[in-house]
Protein backbone atom coordinates (compact mmCIF):
# COMPACT_ATOMS: atom_id res chain seq x y z
CA MET A 1 91.25 -37.35 41.34
CA ARG A 2 92.10 -40.01 43.92
CA ILE A 3 88.89 -39.16 45.80
CA ALA A 4 86.78 -39.91 42.73
CA GLU A 5 88.63 -43.20 42.20
CA THR A 6 88.05 -44.21 45.83
CA ILE A 7 84.36 -43.43 45.55
CA PHE A 8 84.17 -45.43 42.34
CA GLU A 9 85.92 -48.43 43.91
CA ARG A 10 83.72 -48.47 47.00
CA THR A 11 80.31 -47.51 45.65
CA PRO A 12 78.10 -50.57 45.22
CA ARG A 13 76.27 -50.88 41.94
CA VAL A 14 72.96 -50.86 43.86
CA ALA A 15 73.60 -47.14 44.35
CA ILE A 16 72.88 -46.44 40.68
CA PRO A 17 69.08 -46.09 41.10
CA ALA A 18 69.63 -43.76 44.07
CA LEU A 19 71.99 -41.61 42.00
CA ILE A 20 69.42 -41.51 39.19
CA ASP A 21 66.85 -40.24 41.71
CA LEU A 22 69.28 -37.48 42.76
CA LEU A 23 69.43 -36.26 39.16
CA GLY A 24 65.95 -34.83 39.72
CA SER A 25 67.02 -32.78 42.75
CA GLU A 26 66.38 -29.05 42.75
CA ASP A 27 69.92 -28.59 44.08
CA PHE A 28 72.38 -28.22 41.21
CA GLY A 29 75.33 -29.49 43.26
CA SER A 30 73.50 -32.72 44.08
CA ARG A 31 72.46 -33.22 40.46
CA ASN A 32 75.94 -32.52 39.18
CA SER A 33 77.63 -34.87 41.66
CA ALA A 34 75.13 -37.64 40.92
CA GLY A 35 75.54 -37.19 37.17
CA LEU A 36 79.32 -37.28 37.32
CA LEU A 37 79.27 -40.38 39.52
CA LEU A 38 76.82 -42.13 37.20
CA GLU A 39 79.05 -41.42 34.23
CA LYS A 40 82.09 -42.74 36.10
CA LEU A 41 80.34 -45.84 37.50
CA THR A 42 78.59 -46.88 34.33
CA GLY A 43 80.60 -45.48 31.45
CA ALA A 44 77.24 -44.58 29.88
CA LYS A 45 77.05 -41.74 27.40
CA VAL A 46 73.79 -40.08 28.42
CA PRO A 47 73.39 -36.35 27.67
CA PRO A 48 74.16 -34.31 30.84
CA LEU A 49 70.71 -32.76 31.10
CA TYR A 50 71.15 -32.54 34.89
CA ALA A 51 73.29 -29.45 34.19
CA TYR A 52 70.32 -27.42 32.94
CA GLU A 53 68.32 -25.03 35.09
CA ASP A 54 65.14 -25.90 33.18
CA GLN A 55 63.35 -28.57 35.24
CA ASP A 56 61.75 -30.04 32.11
CA LYS A 57 65.24 -30.75 30.73
CA VAL A 58 66.35 -32.12 34.10
CA GLN A 59 63.37 -34.50 34.23
CA GLU A 60 64.02 -35.56 30.64
CA GLY A 61 67.52 -36.50 31.74
CA VAL A 62 66.15 -38.51 34.67
CA ARG A 63 63.89 -40.41 32.26
CA LEU A 64 66.83 -41.14 29.95
CA TRP A 65 68.83 -42.56 32.84
CA GLN A 66 65.85 -44.58 34.08
CA THR A 67 65.51 -46.08 30.61
CA TRP A 68 69.23 -46.78 30.50
CA TRP A 69 69.00 -48.52 33.89
CA ARG A 70 66.07 -50.73 32.84
CA GLU A 71 68.05 -51.80 29.78
CA ASN A 72 71.34 -52.39 31.62
CA GLU A 73 70.41 -53.36 35.17
CA SER A 74 71.08 -57.06 34.55
CA ARG A 75 74.75 -56.30 33.83
CA TYR A 76 75.18 -55.22 37.45
CA ARG A 77 73.32 -58.01 39.25
CA ASP A 78 76.41 -60.24 39.53
CA GLY A 79 78.43 -57.54 41.25
CA ARG A 80 80.48 -56.38 38.27
C-alpha cells in the first residue's frame, strides 16, 4: 500500500484529465490503474464503469468523469 500512497503524494492534480483519458483505453490494466488512481486522488464516488468489457459502458464512465472534472476542476487550481 505504500506504493499507492507515494503515488498519491507525488501525483500533481493536473494529472487528473490525463487519467480520465486513460479510462477510455482498450487495455483493461490501464483503465483499472487510472480508475483506482482517480478514486484515490479525488475521493469521488463515480461508478467504476472502466471495469466493464463493453466499450459503451467504458465510454459512459469516461463521460461521467469528464462531467465530474468540469464541476470540480476549480477545487484543484490552487494546488490542493
